[in-house]
Amino acid sequence: MVGTKVEKDKMEVVYKAIETARQDGKISKGCNEVTKQLERGVAKLVAVASDVTPPEIVMHLPAIAKEKNIPCIEVGSREELGAAAGLKVPTAAVAVIKSEKAKKLIEQLKV
């Protein structure tokens, strides 16, 4: 397990928050970029794909997120996460950096 596992309806909220932030705010895509944003403390939400191989690539993300008090959610597949981020390729992780419209969605996910 990499992040907080959530049920399917919450996973849809994560995807919607990412899509909303992509349109009206800022997101970071990929494990390295997400790690940088977490360490800087500017990420508002982190989504990590559950099918990353090997899982060691993203194992550090939940620990950093917990330390910085940032929600880290495990979502379905890399393909779905990439599509939510507006990419044509899969991605292992996405961080929402800034989005006024996605704030309410992110608040729903805080556990």
PDB file of N, CA and C in Angstrom:
ATOM      1  N   MET A   1       0.840  -1.189   0.000  1.00  0.00           N
ATOM      2  CA  MET A   1       0.000   0.000   0.000  1.00  0.00           C
ATOM      3  C   MET A   1       0.880   1.245   0.000  1.00  0.00           C
ATOM      4  N   VAL A   2       0.517   2.175  -0.866  1.00  0.00           N
ATOM      5  CA  VAL A   2       1.331   3.379  -0.951  1.00  0.00           C
ATOM      6  C   VAL A   2       0.710   4.578  -0.263  1.00  0.00           C
ATOM      7  N   GLY A   3      -0.498   4.894  -0.558  1.00  0.00           N
ATOM      8  CA  GLY A   3      -1.163   6.026   0.085  1.00  0.00           C
ATOM      9  C   GLY A   3      -2.393   5.524   0.811  1.00  0.00           C
ATOM     10  N   THR A   4      -3.276   6.426   1.140  1.00  0.00           N
ATOM     11  CA  THR A   4      -4.522   6.044   1.771  1.00  0.00           C
ATOM     12  C   THR A   4      -5.426   5.445   0.703  1.00  0.00           C
ATOM     13  N   LYS A   5      -5.841   4.197   0.902  1.00  0.00           N
ATOM     14  CA  LYS A   5      -6.760   3.572  -0.050  1.00  0.00           C
ATOM     15  C   LYS A   5      -8.149   4.137   0.196  1.00  0.00           C
ATOM     16  N   VAL A   6      -8.842   4.456  -0.875  1.00  0.00           N
ATOM     17  CA  VAL A   6     -10.190   5.001  -0.764  1.00  0.00           C
ATOM     18  C   VAL A   6     -11.148   4.201  -1.629  1.00  0.00           C
ATOM     19  N   GLU A   7     -12.434   4.310  -1.316  1.00  0.00           N
ATOM     20  CA  GLU A   7     -13.429   3.628  -2.123  1.00  0.00           C
ATOM     21  C   GLU A   7     -13.589   4.339  -3.461  1.00  0.00           C
ATOM     22  N   LYS A   8     -14.281   3.672  -4.384  1.00  0.00           N
ATOM     23  CA  LYS A   8     -14.397   4.129  -5.771  1.00  0.00           C
ATOM     24  C   LYS A   8     -14.959   5.552  -5.892  1.00  0.00           C
ATOM     25  N   ASP A   9     -15.972   5.903  -5.086  1.00  0.00           N
ATOM     26  CA  ASP A   9     -16.561   7.237  -5.217  1.00  0.00           C
ATOM     27  C   ASP A   9     -15.585   8.333  -4.801  1.00  0.00           C
ATOM     28  N   LYS A  10     -14.770   8.072  -3.775  1.00  0.00           N
ATOM     29  CA  LYS A  10     -13.748   9.056  -3.369  1.00  0.00           C
ATOM     30  C   LYS A  10     -12.660   9.165  -4.436  1.00  0.00           C
ATOM     31  N   MET A  11     -12.356   8.032  -5.090  1.00  0.00           N
ATOM     32  CA  MET A  11     -11.356   8.044  -6.150  1.00  0.00           C
ATOM     33  C   MET A  11     -11.808   8.975  -7.286  1.00  0.00           C
ATOM     34  N   GLU A  12     -13.111   8.964  -7.565  1.00  0.00           N
ATOM     35  CA  GLU A  12     -13.653   9.854  -8.596  1.00  0.00           C
ATOM     36  C   GLU A  12     -13.488  11.318  -8.183  1.00  0.00           C
ATOM     37  N   VAL A  13     -13.607  11.600  -6.891  1.00  0.00           N
ATOM     38  CA  VAL A  13     -13.412  12.968  -6.383  1.00  0.00           C
ATOM     39  C   VAL A  13     -11.956  13.387  -6.590  1.00  0.00           C
ATOM     40  N   VAL A  14     -11.020  12.456  -6.373  1.00  0.00           N
ATOM     41  CA  VAL A  14      -9.590  12.746  -6.595  1.00  0.00           C
ATOM     42  C   VAL A  14      -9.359  13.091  -8.053  1.00  0.00           C
ATOM     43  N   TYR A  15      -9.888  12.263  -8.958  1.00  0.00           N
ATOM     44  CA  TYR A  15      -9.729  12.528 -10.397  1.00  0.00           C
ATOM     45  C   TYR A  15     -10.356  13.865 -10.775  1.00  0.00           C
ATOM     46  N   LYS A  16     -11.528  14.166 -10.224  1.00  0.00           N
ATOM     47  CA  LYS A  16     -12.197  15.432 -10.534  1.00  0.00           C
ATOM     48  C   LYS A  16     -11.382  16.624 -10.018  1.00  0.00           C
ATOM     49  N   ALA A  17     -10.793  16.487  -8.830  1.00  0.00           N
ATOM     50  CA  ALA A  17      -9.947  17.554  -8.285  1.00  0.00           C
ATOM     51  C   ALA A  17      -8.735  17.788  -9.178  1.00  0.00           C
ATOM     52  N   ILE A  18      -8.136  16.714  -9.669  1.00  0.00           N
ATOM     53  CA  ILE A  18      -6.970  16.845 -10.549  1.00  0.00           C
ATOM     54  C   ILE A  18      -7.367  17.508 -11.862  1.00  0.00           C
ATOM     55  N   GLU A  19      -8.488  17.069 -12.446  1.00  0.00           N
ATOM     56  CA  GLU A  19      -8.949  17.657 -13.710  1.00  0.00           C
ATOM     57  C   GLU A  19      -9.289  19.137 -13.535  1.00  0.00           C
ATOM     58  N   THR A  20      -9.926  19.474 -12.419  1.00  0.00           N
ATOM     59  CA  THR A  20     -10.283  20.870 -12.148  1.00  0.00           C
ATOM     60  C   THR A  20      -9.024  21.717 -11.975  1.00  0.00           C
ATOM     61  N   ALA A  21      -8.064  21.211 -11.204  1.00  0.00           N
ATOM     62  CA  ALA A  21      -6.817  21.953 -10.977  1.00  0.00           C
ATOM     63  C   ALA A  21      -6.032  22.111 -12.276  1.00  0.00           C
ATOM     64  N   ARG A  22      -6.092  21.111 -13.113  1.00  0.00           N
ATOM     65  CA  ARG A  22      -5.400  21.178 -14.407  1.00  0.00           C
ATOM     66  C   ARG A  22      -5.950  22.328 -15.237  1.00  0.00           C
ATOM     67  N   GLN A  23      -7.259  22.572 -15.145  1.00  0.00           N
ATOM     68  CA  GLN A  23      -7.887  23.603 -15.960  1.00  0.00           C
ATOM     69  C   GLN A  23      -7.765  25.006 -15.376  1.00  0.00           C
ATOM     70  N   ASP A  24      -7.878  25.134 -14.040  1.00  0.00           N
ATOM     71  CA  ASP A  24      -7.892  26.483 -13.475  1.00  0.00           C
ATOM     72  C   ASP A  24      -6.740  26.778 -12.528  1.00  0.00           C
ATOM     73  N   GLY A  25      -5.852  25.833 -12.328  1.00  0.00           N
ATOM     74  CA  GLY A  25      -4.753  26.044 -11.379  1.00  0.00           C
ATOM     75  C   GLY A  25      -3.456  25.475 -11.888  1.00  0.00           C
ATOM     76  N   LYS A  26      -2.811  24.683 -11.037  1.00  0.00           N
ATOM     77  CA  LYS A  26      -1.514  24.128 -11.396  1.00  0.00           C
ATOM     78  C   LYS A  26      -1.374  22.744 -10.784  1.00  0.00           C
ATOM     79  N   ILE A  27      -0.831  21.806 -11.581  1.00  0.00           N
ATOM     80  CA  ILE A  27      -0.537  20.471 -11.085  1.00  0.00           C
ATOM     81  C   ILE A  27       0.893  20.104 -11.471  1.00  0.00           C
ATOM     82  N   SER A  28       1.450  19.143 -10.754  1.00  0.00           N
ATOM     83  CA  SER A  28       2.752  18.577 -11.107  1.00  0.00           C
ATOM     84  C   SER A  28       2.552  17.110 -11.400  1.00  0.00           C
ATOM     85  N   LYS A  29       3.241  16.615 -12.423  1.00  0.00           N
ATOM     86  CA  LYS A  29       3.066  15.241 -12.855  1.00  0.00           C
ATOM     87  C   LYS A  29       4.395  14.505 -12.786  1.00  0.00           C
ATOM     88  N   GLY A  30       4.336  13.242 -12.369  1.00  0.00           N
ATOM     89  CA  GLY A  30       5.534  12.423 -12.300  1.00  0.00           C
ATOM     90  C   GLY A  30       6.104  12.371 -10.899  1.00  0.00           C
ATOM     91  N   CYS A  31       6.738  11.269 -10.600  1.00  0.00           N
ATOM     92  CA  CYS A  31       7.240  11.024  -9.243  1.00  0.00           C
ATOM     93  C   CYS A  31       8.260  12.078  -8.785  1.00  0.00           C
ATOM     94  N   ASN A  32       9.192  12.426  -9.648  1.00  0.00           N
ATOM     95  CA  ASN A  32      10.226  13.396  -9.259  1.00  0.00           C
ATOM     96  C   ASN A  32       9.646  14.780  -8.982  1.00  0.00           C
ATOM     97  N   GLU A  33       8.766  15.242  -9.856  1.00  0.00           N
ATOM     98  CA  GLU A  33       8.158  16.565  -9.669  1.00  0.00           C
ATOM     99  C   GLU A  33       7.272  16.600  -8.428  1.00  0.00           C
ATOM    100  N   VAL A  34       6.514  15.523  -8.209  1.00  0.00           N
ATOM    101  CA  VAL A  34       5.646  15.458  -7.034  1.00  0.00           C
ATOM    102  C   VAL A  34       6.488  15.459  -5.757  1.00  0.00           C
ATOM    103  N   THR A  35       7.604  14.738  -5.768  1.00  0.00           N
ATOM    104  CA  THR A  35       8.502  14.716  -4.606  1.00  0.00           C
ATOM    105  C   THR A  35       8.999  16.128  -4.294  1.00  0.00           C
ATOM    106  N   LYS A  36       9.390  16.872  -5.316  1.00  0.00           N
ATOM    107  CA  LYS A  36       9.871  18.248  -5.114  1.00  0.00           C
ATOM    108  C   LYS A  36       8.786  19.120  -4.490  1.00  0.00           C
ATOM    109  N   GLN A  37       7.556  19.011  -5.009  1.00  0.00           N
ATOM    110  CA  GLN A  37       6.462  19.841  -4.500  1.00  0.00           C
ATOM    111  C   GLN A  37       6.109  19.467  -3.056  1.00  0.00           C
ATOM    112  N   LEU A  38       6.173  18.172  -2.738  1.00  0.00           N
ATOM    113  CA  LEU A  38       5.929  17.741  -1.357  1.00  0.00           C
ATOM    114  C   LEU A  38       6.990  18.291  -0.415  1.00  0.00           C
ATOM    115  N   GLU A  39       8.259  18.170  -0.809  1.00  0.00           N
ATOM    116  CA  GLU A  39       9.351  18.646   0.043  1.00  0.00           C
ATOM    117  C   GLU A  39       9.282  20.150   0.258  1.00  0.00           C
ATOM    118  N   ARG A  40       8.812  20.876  -0.739  1.00  0.00           N
ATOM    119  CA  ARG A  40       8.651  22.328  -0.601  1.00  0.00           C
ATOM    120  C   ARG A  40       7.412  22.677   0.220  1.00  0.00           C
ATOM    121  N   GLY A  41       6.508  21.714   0.370  1.00  0.00           N
ATOM    122  CA  GLY A  41       5.290  21.945   1.141  1.00  0.00           C
ATOM    123  C   GLY A  41       4.218  22.717   0.396  1.00  0.00           C
ATOM    124  N   VAL A  42       4.272  22.746  -0.921  1.00  0.00           N
ATOM    125  CA  VAL A  42       3.295  23.513  -1.691  1.00  0.00           C
ATOM    126  C   VAL A  42       2.167  22.653  -2.259  1.00  0.00           C
ATOM    127  N   ALA A  43       2.296  21.342  -2.209  1.00  0.00           N
ATOM    128  CA  ALA A  43       1.245  20.455  -2.722  1.00  0.00           C
ATOM    129  C   ALA A  43       0.039  20.503  -1.795  1.00  0.00           C
ATOM    130  N   LYS A  44      -1.148  20.481  -2.373  1.00  0.00           N
ATOM    131  CA  LYS A  44      -2.395  20.463  -1.597  1.00  0.00           C
ATOM    132  C   LYS A  44      -2.979  19.054  -1.538  1.00  0.00           C
ATOM    133  N   LEU A  45      -2.682  18.236  -2.560  1.00  0.00           N
ATOM    134  CA  LEU A  45      -3.189  16.874  -2.662  1.00  0.00           C
ATOM    135  C   LEU A  45      -2.221  16.076  -3.528  1.00  0.00           C
ATOM    136  N   VAL A  46      -1.957  14.832  -3.123  1.00  0.00           N
ATOM    137  CA  VAL A  46      -1.101  13.951  -3.917  1.00  0.00           C
ATOM    138  C   VAL A  46      -1.887  12.690  -4.231  1.00  0.00           C
ATOM    139  N   ALA A  47      -1.859  12.286  -5.499  1.00  0.00           N
ATOM    140  CA  ALA A  47      -2.482  11.038  -5.931  1.00  0.00           C
ATOM    141  C   ALA A  47      -1.388  10.135  -6.472  1.00  0.00           C
ATOM    142  N   VAL A  48      -1.378   8.884  -6.011  1.00  0.00           N
ATOM    143  CA  VAL A  48      -0.365   7.907  -6.418  1.00  0.00           C
ATOM    144  C   VAL A  48      -1.082   6.707  -7.016  1.00  0.00           C
ATOM    145  N   ALA A  49      -0.628   6.246  -8.182  1.00  0.00           N
ATOM    146  CA  ALA A  49      -1.237   5.082  -8.832  1.00  0.00           C
ATOM    147  C   ALA A  49      -0.882   3.811  -8.066  1.00  0.00           C
ATOM    148  N   SER A  50      -1.838   2.903  -7.984  1.00  0.00           N
ATOM    149  CA  SER A  50      -1.621   1.668  -7.222  1.00  0.00           C
ATOM    150  C   SER A  50      -0.850   0.617  -8.014  1.00  0.00           C
ATOM    151  N   ASP A  51      -0.731   0.796  -9.329  1.00  0.00           N
ATOM    152  CA  ASP A  51      -0.086  -0.226 -10.145  1.00  0.00           C
ATOM    153  C   ASP A  51       1.329   0.149 -10.590  1.00  0.00           C
ATOM    154  N   VAL A  52       2.023   0.959  -9.807  1.00  0.00           N
ATOM    155  CA  VAL A  52       3.401   1.353 -10.124  1.00  0.00           C
ATOM    156  C   VAL A  52       4.321   0.163  -9.858  1.00  0.00           C
ATOM    157  N   THR A  53       5.164  -0.137 -10.828  1.00  0.00           N
ATOM    158  CA  THR A  53       6.108  -1.248 -10.687  1.00  0.00           C
ATOM    159  C   THR A  53       7.504  -0.748 -10.978  1.00  0.00           C
ATOM    160  N   PRO A  54       8.464  -0.952 -10.129  1.00  0.00           N
ATOM    161  CA  PRO A  54       8.346  -1.488  -8.777  1.00  0.00           C
ATOM    162  C   PRO A  54       7.778  -0.427  -7.834  1.00  0.00           C
ATOM    163  N   PRO A  55       7.096  -0.863  -6.776  1.00  0.00           N
ATOM    164  CA  PRO A  55       6.459   0.098  -5.871  1.00  0.00           C
ATOM    165  C   PRO A  55       7.441   0.990  -5.128  1.00  0.00           C
ATOM    166  N   GLU A  56       8.709   0.605  -5.096  1.00  0.00           N
ATOM    167  CA  GLU A  56       9.732   1.416  -4.413  1.00  0.00           C
ATOM    168  C   GLU A  56       9.849   2.806  -5.014  1.00  0.00           C
ATOM    169  N   ILE A  57       9.421   2.949  -6.257  1.00  0.00           N
ATOM    170  CA  ILE A  57       9.505   4.245  -6.948  1.00  0.00           C
ATOM    171  C   ILE A  57       8.696   5.309  -6.210  1.00  0.00           C
ATOM    172  N   VAL A  58       7.549   4.916  -5.656  1.00  0.00           N
ATOM    173  CA  VAL A  58       6.666   5.892  -5.024  1.00  0.00           C
ATOM    174  C   VAL A  58       6.493   5.679  -3.523  1.00  0.00           C
ATOM    175  N   MET A  59       7.214   4.741  -2.940  1.00  0.00           N
ATOM    176  CA  MET A  59       7.032   4.422  -1.515  1.00  0.00           C
ATOM    177  C   MET A  59       7.334   5.586  -0.575  1.00  0.00           C
ATOM    178  N   HIS A  60       8.192   6.498  -0.991  1.00  0.00           N
ATOM    179  CA  HIS A  60       8.561   7.619  -0.130  1.00  0.00           C
ATOM    180  C   HIS A  60       7.500   8.725  -0.086  1.00  0.00           C
ATOM    181  N   LEU A  61       6.615   8.774  -1.063  1.00  0.00           N
ATOM    182  CA  LEU A  61       5.647   9.868  -1.154  1.00  0.00           C
ATOM    183  C   LEU A  61       4.689   9.946   0.036  1.00  0.00           C
ATOM    184  N   PRO A  62       4.074   8.825   0.476  1.00  0.00           N
ATOM    185  CA  PRO A  62       3.172   8.932   1.635  1.00  0.00           C
ATOM    186  C   PRO A  62       3.870   9.405   2.912  1.00  0.00           C
ATOM    187  N   ALA A  63       5.120   9.003   3.097  1.00  0.00           N
ATOM    188  CA  ALA A  63       5.848   9.418   4.300  1.00  0.00           C
ATOM    189  C   ALA A  63       6.092  10.927   4.296  1.00  0.00           C
ATOM    190  N   ILE A  64       6.497  11.459   3.172  1.00  0.00           N
ATOM    191  CA  ILE A  64       6.723  12.904   3.072  1.00  0.00           C
ATOM    192  C   ILE A  64       5.395  13.648   3.240  1.00  0.00           C
ATOM    193  N   ALA A  65       4.338  13.125   2.593  1.00  0.00           N
ATOM    194  CA  ALA A  65       3.024  13.770   2.684  1.00  0.00           C
ATOM    195  C   ALA A  65       2.521  13.784   4.124  1.00  0.00           C
ATOM    196  N   LYS A  66       2.710  12.692   4.839  1.00  0.00           N
ATOM    197  CA  LYS A  66       2.267  12.628   6.233  1.00  0.00           C
ATOM    198  C   LYS A  66       3.037  13.633   7.083  1.00  0.00           C
ATOM    199  N   GLU A  67       4.344  13.723   6.842  1.00  0.00           N
ATOM    200  CA  GLU A  67       5.190  14.661   7.577  1.00  0.00           C
ATOM    201  C   GLU A  67       4.740  16.107   7.345  1.00  0.00           C
ATOM    202  N   LYS A  68       4.319  16.415   6.120  1.00  0.00           N
ATOM    203  CA  LYS A  68       3.903  17.776   5.761  1.00  0.00           C
ATOM    204  C   LYS A  68       2.399  17.996   5.931  1.00  0.00           C
ATOM    205  N   ASN A  69       1.672  16.947   6.393  1.00  0.00           N
ATOM    206  CA  ASN A  69       0.226  17.013   6.595  1.00  0.00           C
ATOM    207  C   ASN A  69      -0.531  17.313   5.298  1.00  0.00           C
ATOM    208  N   ILE A  70      -0.162  16.600   4.230  1.00  0.00           N
ATOM    209  CA  ILE A  70      -0.779  16.737   2.923  1.00  0.00           C
ATOM    210  C   ILE A  70      -1.457  15.407   2.595  1.00  0.00           C
ATOM    211  N   PRO A  71      -2.727  15.418   2.172  1.00  0.00           N
ATOM    212  CA  PRO A  71      -3.393  14.155   1.860  1.00  0.00           C
ATOM    213  C   PRO A  71      -2.726  13.442   0.683  1.00  0.00           C
ATOM    214  N   CYS A  72      -2.461  12.147   0.849  1.00  0.00           N
ATOM    215  CA  CYS A  72      -1.856  11.314  -0.187  1.00  0.00           C
ATOM    216  C   CYS A  72      -2.811  10.147  -0.413  1.00  0.00           C
ATOM    217  N   ILE A  73      -3.400  10.090  -1.594  1.00  0.00           N
ATOM    218  CA  ILE A  73      -4.441   9.120  -1.903  1.00  0.00           C
ATOM    219  C   ILE A  73      -3.948   8.140  -2.967  1.00  0.00           C
ATOM    220  N   GLU A  74      -4.171   6.858  -2.719  1.00  0.00           N
ATOM    221  CA  GLU A  74      -3.853   5.832  -3.713  1.00  0.00           C
ATOM    222  C   GLU A  74      -5.056   5.673  -4.638  1.00  0.00           C
ATOM    223  N   VAL A  75      -4.803   5.808  -5.934  1.00  0.00           N
ATOM    224  CA  VAL A  75      -5.875   5.698  -6.933  1.00  0.00           C
ATOM    225  C   VAL A  75      -5.643   4.486  -7.820  1.00  0.00           C
ATOM    226  N   GLY A  76      -6.563   4.239  -8.729  1.00  0.00           N
ATOM    227  CA  GLY A  76      -6.549   3.068  -9.594  1.00  0.00           C
ATOM    228  C   GLY A  76      -5.272   2.833 -10.364  1.00  0.00           C
ATOM    229  N   SER A  77      -5.267   3.203 -11.612  1.00  0.00           N
ATOM    230  CA  SER A  77      -4.138   2.865 -12.469  1.00  0.00           C
ATOM    231  C   SER A  77      -3.376   4.103 -12.933  1.00  0.00           C
ATOM    232  N   ARG A  78      -2.182   3.849 -13.442  1.00  0.00           N
ATOM    233  CA  ARG A  78      -1.358   4.933 -13.978  1.00  0.00           C
ATOM    234  C   ARG A  78      -2.031   5.567 -15.189  1.00  0.00           C
ATOM    235  N   GLU A  79      -2.731   4.744 -15.977  1.00  0.00           N
ATOM    236  CA  GLU A  79      -3.414   5.253 -17.169  1.00  0.00           C
ATOM    237  C   GLU A  79      -4.524   6.229 -16.790  1.00  0.00           C
ATOM    238  N   GLU A  80      -5.333   5.866 -15.793  1.00  0.00           N
ATOM    239  CA  GLU A  80      -6.411   6.742 -15.339  1.00  0.00           C
ATOM    240  C   GLU A  80      -5.861   8.036 -14.755  1.00  0.00           C
ATOM    241  N   LEU A  81      -4.782   7.916 -14.002  1.00  0.00           N
ATOM    242  CA  LEU A  81      -4.168   9.095 -13.389  1.00  0.00           C
ATOM    243  C   LEU A  81      -3.586  10.013 -14.457  1.00  0.00           C
ATOM    244  N   GLY A  82      -2.938   9.437 -15.443  1.00  0.00           N
ATOM    245  CA  GLY A  82      -2.402  10.227 -16.551  1.00  0.00           C
ATOM    246  C   GLY A  82      -3.502  10.945 -17.314  1.00  0.00           C
ATOM    247  N   ALA A  83      -4.609  10.238 -17.549  1.00  0.00           N
ATOM    248  CA  ALA A  83      -5.736  10.846 -18.264  1.00  0.00           C
ATOM    249  C   ALA A  83      -6.330  12.009 -17.469  1.00  0.00           C
ATOM    250  N   ALA A  84      -6.462  11.851 -16.160  1.00  0.00           N
ATOM    251  CA  ALA A  84      -6.990  12.930 -15.318  1.00  0.00           C
ATOM    252  C   ALA A  84      -6.068  14.148 -15.348  1.00  0.00           C
ATOM    253  N   ALA A  85      -4.760  13.893 -15.491  1.00  0.00           N
ATOM    254  CA  ALA A  85      -3.783  14.984 -15.539  1.00  0.00           C
ATOM    255  C   ALA A  85      -3.650  15.581 -16.932  1.00  0.00           C
ATOM    256  N   GLY A  86      -4.408  15.042 -17.889  1.00  0.00           N
ATOM    257  CA  GLY A  86      -4.374  15.577 -19.248  1.00  0.00           C
ATOM    258  C   GLY A  86      -3.218  15.057 -20.081  1.00  0.00           C
ATOM    259  N   LEU A  87      -2.671  13.919 -19.678  1.00  0.00           N
ATOM    260  CA  LEU A  87      -1.550  13.332 -20.404  1.00  0.00           C
ATOM    261  C   LEU A  87      -2.028  12.201 -21.306  1.00  0.00           C
ATOM    262  N   LYS A  88      -1.293  11.944 -22.372  1.00  0.00           N
ATOM    263  CA  LYS A  88      -1.595  10.814 -23.243  1.00  0.00           C
ATOM    264  C   LYS A  88      -0.806   9.578 -22.826  1.00  0.00           C
ATOM    265  N   VAL A  89       0.015   9.727 -21.811  1.00  0.00           N
ATOM    266  CA  VAL A  89       0.825   8.619 -21.297  1.00  0.00           C
ATOM    267  C   VAL A  89       0.499   8.419 -19.817  1.00  0.00           C
ATOM    268  N   PRO A  90       0.733   7.211 -19.293  1.00  0.00           N
ATOM    269  CA  PRO A  90       0.485   6.969 -17.866  1.00  0.00           C
ATOM    270  C   PRO A  90       1.453   7.761 -16.989  1.00  0.00           C
ATOM    271  N   THR A  91       1.048   8.015 -15.756  1.00  0.00           N
ATOM    272  CA  THR A  91       1.931   8.667 -14.791  1.00  0.00           C
ATOM    273  C   THR A  91       1.770   8.004 -13.425  1.00  0.00           C
ATOM    274  N   ALA A  92       2.844   7.987 -12.653  1.00  0.00           N
ATOM    275  CA  ALA A  92       2.841   7.318 -11.345  1.00  0.00           C
ATOM    276  C   ALA A  92       2.233   8.188 -10.259  1.00  0.00           C
ATOM    277  N   ALA A  93       2.399   9.517 -10.370  1.00  0.00           N
ATOM    278  CA  ALA A  93       1.925  10.406  -9.305  1.00  0.00           C
ATOM    279  C   ALA A  93       1.580  11.781  -9.869  1.00  0.00           C
ATOM    280  N   VAL A  94       0.626  12.428  -9.209  1.00  0.00           N
ATOM    281  CA  VAL A  94       0.216  13.793  -9.563  1.00  0.00           C
ATOM    282  C   VAL A  94       0.001  14.566  -8.273  1.00  0.00           C
ATOM    283  N   ALA A  95       0.434  15.816  -8.262  1.00  0.00           N
ATOM    284  CA  ALA A  95       0.196  16.692  -7.113  1.00  0.00           C
ATOM    285  C   ALA A  95      -0.592  17.912  -7.573  1.00  0.00           C
ATOM    286  N   VAL A  96      -1.622  18.259  -6.816  1.00  0.00           N
ATOM    287  CA  VAL A  96      -2.358  19.503  -7.052  1.00  0.00           C
ATOM    288  C   VAL A  96      -1.615  20.582  -6.277  1.00  0.00           C
ATOM    289  N   ILE A  97      -1.178  21.607  -6.984  1.00  0.00           N
ATOM    290  CA  ILE A  97      -0.405  22.682  -6.368  1.00  0.00           C
ATOM    291  C   ILE A  97      -1.300  23.865  -6.012  1.00  0.00           C
ATOM    292  N   LYS A  98      -2.137  24.253  -6.964  1.00  0.00           N
ATOM    293  CA  LYS A  98      -2.966  25.433  -6.745  1.00  0.00           C
ATOM    294  C   LYS A  98      -4.250  25.289  -7.549  1.00  0.00           C
ATOM    295  N   SER A  99      -5.376  25.541  -6.915  1.00  0.00           N
ATOM    296  CA  SER A  99      -6.649  25.551  -7.616  1.00  0.00           C
ATOM    297  C   SER A  99      -7.738  26.050  -6.676  1.00  0.00           C
ATOM    298  N   GLU A 100      -8.339  27.145  -7.027  1.00  0.00           N
ATOM    299  CA  GLU A 100      -9.433  27.683  -6.210  1.00  0.00           C
ATOM    300  C   GLU A 100     -10.668  26.798  -6.316  1.00  0.00           C
ATOM    301  N   LYS A 101     -10.974  26.335  -7.517  1.00  0.00           N
ATOM    302  CA  LYS A 101     -12.180  25.542  -7.727  1.00  0.00           C
ATOM    303  C   LYS A 101     -12.069  24.147  -7.117  1.00  0.00           C
ATOM    304  N   ALA A 102     -10.861  23.617  -6.991  1.00  0.00           N
ATOM    305  CA  ALA A 102     -10.679  22.259  -6.459  1.00  0.00           C
ATOM    306  C   ALA A 102     -10.575  22.230  -4.935  1.00  0.00           C
ATOM    307  N   LYS A 103     -10.545  23.399  -4.288  1.00  0.00           N
ATOM    308  CA  LYS A 103     -10.394  23.455  -2.820  1.00  0.00           C
ATOM    309  C   LYS A 103     -11.461  22.642  -2.090  1.00  0.00           C
ATOM    310  N   LYS A 104     -12.722  22.797  -2.494  1.00  0.00           N
ATOM    311  CA  LYS A 104     -13.812  22.083  -1.828  1.00  0.00           C
ATOM    312  C   LYS A 104     -13.682  20.576  -2.022  1.00  0.00           C
ATOM    313  N   LEU A 105     -13.267  20.155  -3.194  1.00  0.00           N
ATOM    314  CA  LEU A 105     -13.078  18.728  -3.471  1.00  0.00           C
ATOM    315  C   LEU A 105     -11.961  18.155  -2.587  1.00  0.00           C
ATOM    316  N   ILE A 106     -10.889  18.913  -2.447  1.00  0.00           N
ATOM    317  CA  ILE A 106      -9.760  18.464  -1.636  1.00  0.00           C
ATOM    318  C   ILE A 106     -10.168  18.383  -0.162  1.00  0.00           C
ATOM    319  N   GLU A 107     -10.986  19.319   0.287  1.00  0.00           N
ATOM    320  CA  GLU A 107     -11.464  19.286   1.670  1.00  0.00           C
ATOM    321  C   GLU A 107     -12.275  18.015   1.955  1.00  0.00           C
ATOM    322  N   GLN A 108     -13.028  17.555   0.957  1.00  0.00           N
ATOM    323  CA  GLN A 108     -13.806  16.319   1.110  1.00  0.00           C
ATOM    324  C   GLN A 108     -12.904  15.099   1.335  1.00  0.00           C
ATOM    325  N   LEU A 109     -11.683  15.163   0.818  1.00  0.00           N
ATOM    326  CA  LEU A 109     -10.781  14.011   0.860  1.00  0.00           C
ATOM    327  C   LEU A 109      -9.928  13.938   2.111  1.00  0.00           C
ATOM    328  N   LYS A 110      -9.839  15.008   2.858  1.00  0.00           N
ATOM    329  CA  LYS A 110      -8.987  14.996   4.054  1.00  0.00           C
ATOM    330  C   LYS A 110      -9.527  13.992   5.049  1.00  0.00           C
ATOM    331  N   VAL A 111      -8.629  13.088   5.463  1.00  0.00           N
ATOM    332  CA  VAL A 111      -9.040  12.017   6.380  1.00  0.00           C
ATOM    333  C   VAL A 111      -8.360  12.145   7.719  1.00  0.00           C
TER     334      VAL A 111
END
